[in-house]
Amino acid sequence: MNSISQLLDDGLNTLSAEESIIIGRRYLVKNNDTDYQIYTEMHLGKTKYYKMKKRAVNKMGILLNLEFYK
């Protein structure tokens, strides 16, 4: 069985570069950034950012066999 860190790494590798940055900065670091900090530093609009974030979270949920709701 894969370790959690290996599953997360595999999941991040399936995401686009921008999606991977969003997930990493928002959820996988000790002092995680706020959504506002991330989308302003990435020069993304708020709506586009939240769509990308939702898509990335859904992809990770599928990979990790977690239930998620739309």
Protein backbone atom coordinates (compact mmCIF):
# COMPACT_ATOMS: atom_id res chain seq x y z
CA MET A 1 0.00 0.00 0.00
CA ASN A 2 1.23 3.50 -0.84
CA SER A 3 2.03 5.91 1.90
CA ILE A 4 -0.03 9.07 2.21
CA SER A 5 2.90 11.21 1.11
CA GLN A 6 3.37 9.08 -2.02
CA LEU A 7 -0.35 9.34 -2.84
CA LEU A 8 -0.25 13.11 -2.39
CA ASP A 9 2.86 13.37 -4.54
CA ASP A 10 1.25 11.25 -7.27
CA GLY A 11 -1.87 13.39 -7.06
CA LEU A 12 0.06 16.64 -7.36
CA ASN A 13 1.86 15.25 -10.41
CA THR A 14 -1.49 14.65 -12.16
CA LEU A 15 -2.55 18.28 -11.69
CA SER A 16 -1.62 21.15 -13.96
CA ALA A 17 1.22 23.34 -12.73
CA GLU A 18 -1.18 26.06 -11.55
CA GLU A 19 -3.48 23.55 -9.81
CA SER A 20 -0.49 21.99 -8.06
CA ILE A 21 0.65 25.39 -6.80
CA ILE A 22 -2.83 26.17 -5.50
CA ILE A 23 -3.16 22.89 -3.59
CA GLY A 24 0.39 23.04 -2.28
CA ARG A 25 0.22 26.61 -1.04
CA ARG A 26 -3.32 26.34 0.33
CA TYR A 27 -3.23 22.95 2.04
CA LEU A 28 0.21 21.31 2.15
CA VAL A 29 2.46 23.80 3.90
CA LYS A 30 2.59 24.60 7.58
CA ASN A 31 1.91 28.33 7.22
CA ASN A 32 -0.56 28.07 4.36
CA ASP A 33 -1.51 31.14 2.37
CA THR A 34 -5.02 32.50 2.10
CA ASP A 35 -6.96 32.16 -1.14
CA TYR A 36 -6.65 35.90 -1.65
CA GLN A 37 -2.85 35.81 -1.32
CA ILE A 38 -2.57 32.95 -3.77
CA TYR A 39 -4.78 34.30 -6.53
CA THR A 40 -3.33 37.80 -6.37
CA GLU A 41 0.27 36.54 -6.48
CA MET A 42 -0.62 34.18 -9.35
CA HIS A 43 -2.32 37.08 -11.19
CA LEU A 44 -5.58 35.15 -11.45
CA GLY A 45 -9.07 36.54 -11.20
CA LYS A 46 -11.08 35.44 -8.18
CA THR A 47 -13.60 33.44 -10.26
CA LYS A 48 -10.94 31.65 -12.32
CA TYR A 49 -8.97 30.84 -9.16
CA TYR A 50 -11.94 29.27 -7.40
CA LYS A 51 -12.82 27.20 -10.49
CA MET A 52 -9.25 25.95 -10.71
CA LYS A 53 -9.15 25.22 -6.99
CA LYS A 54 -12.41 23.26 -7.14
CA ARG A 55 -11.20 21.23 -10.13
CA ALA A 56 -7.90 20.48 -8.37
CA VAL A 57 -9.58 19.44 -5.12
CA ASN A 58 -11.95 17.18 -7.07
CA LYS A 59 -9.05 15.55 -8.95
CA MET A 60 -7.21 14.92 -5.69
CA GLY A 61 -10.35 13.50 -4.11
CA ILE A 62 -10.84 11.06 -6.97
CA LEU A 63 -7.20 9.96 -6.84
CA LEU A 64 -7.36 9.42 -3.07
CA ASN A 65 -10.74 7.64 -3.35
CA LEU A 66 -12.44 10.22 -1.17
CA GLU A 67 -16.06 11.20 -1.46
CA PHE A 68 -16.73 14.74 -2.53
CA TYR A 69 -19.81 16.75 -3.28
CA LYS A 70 -20.39 19.18 -6.11
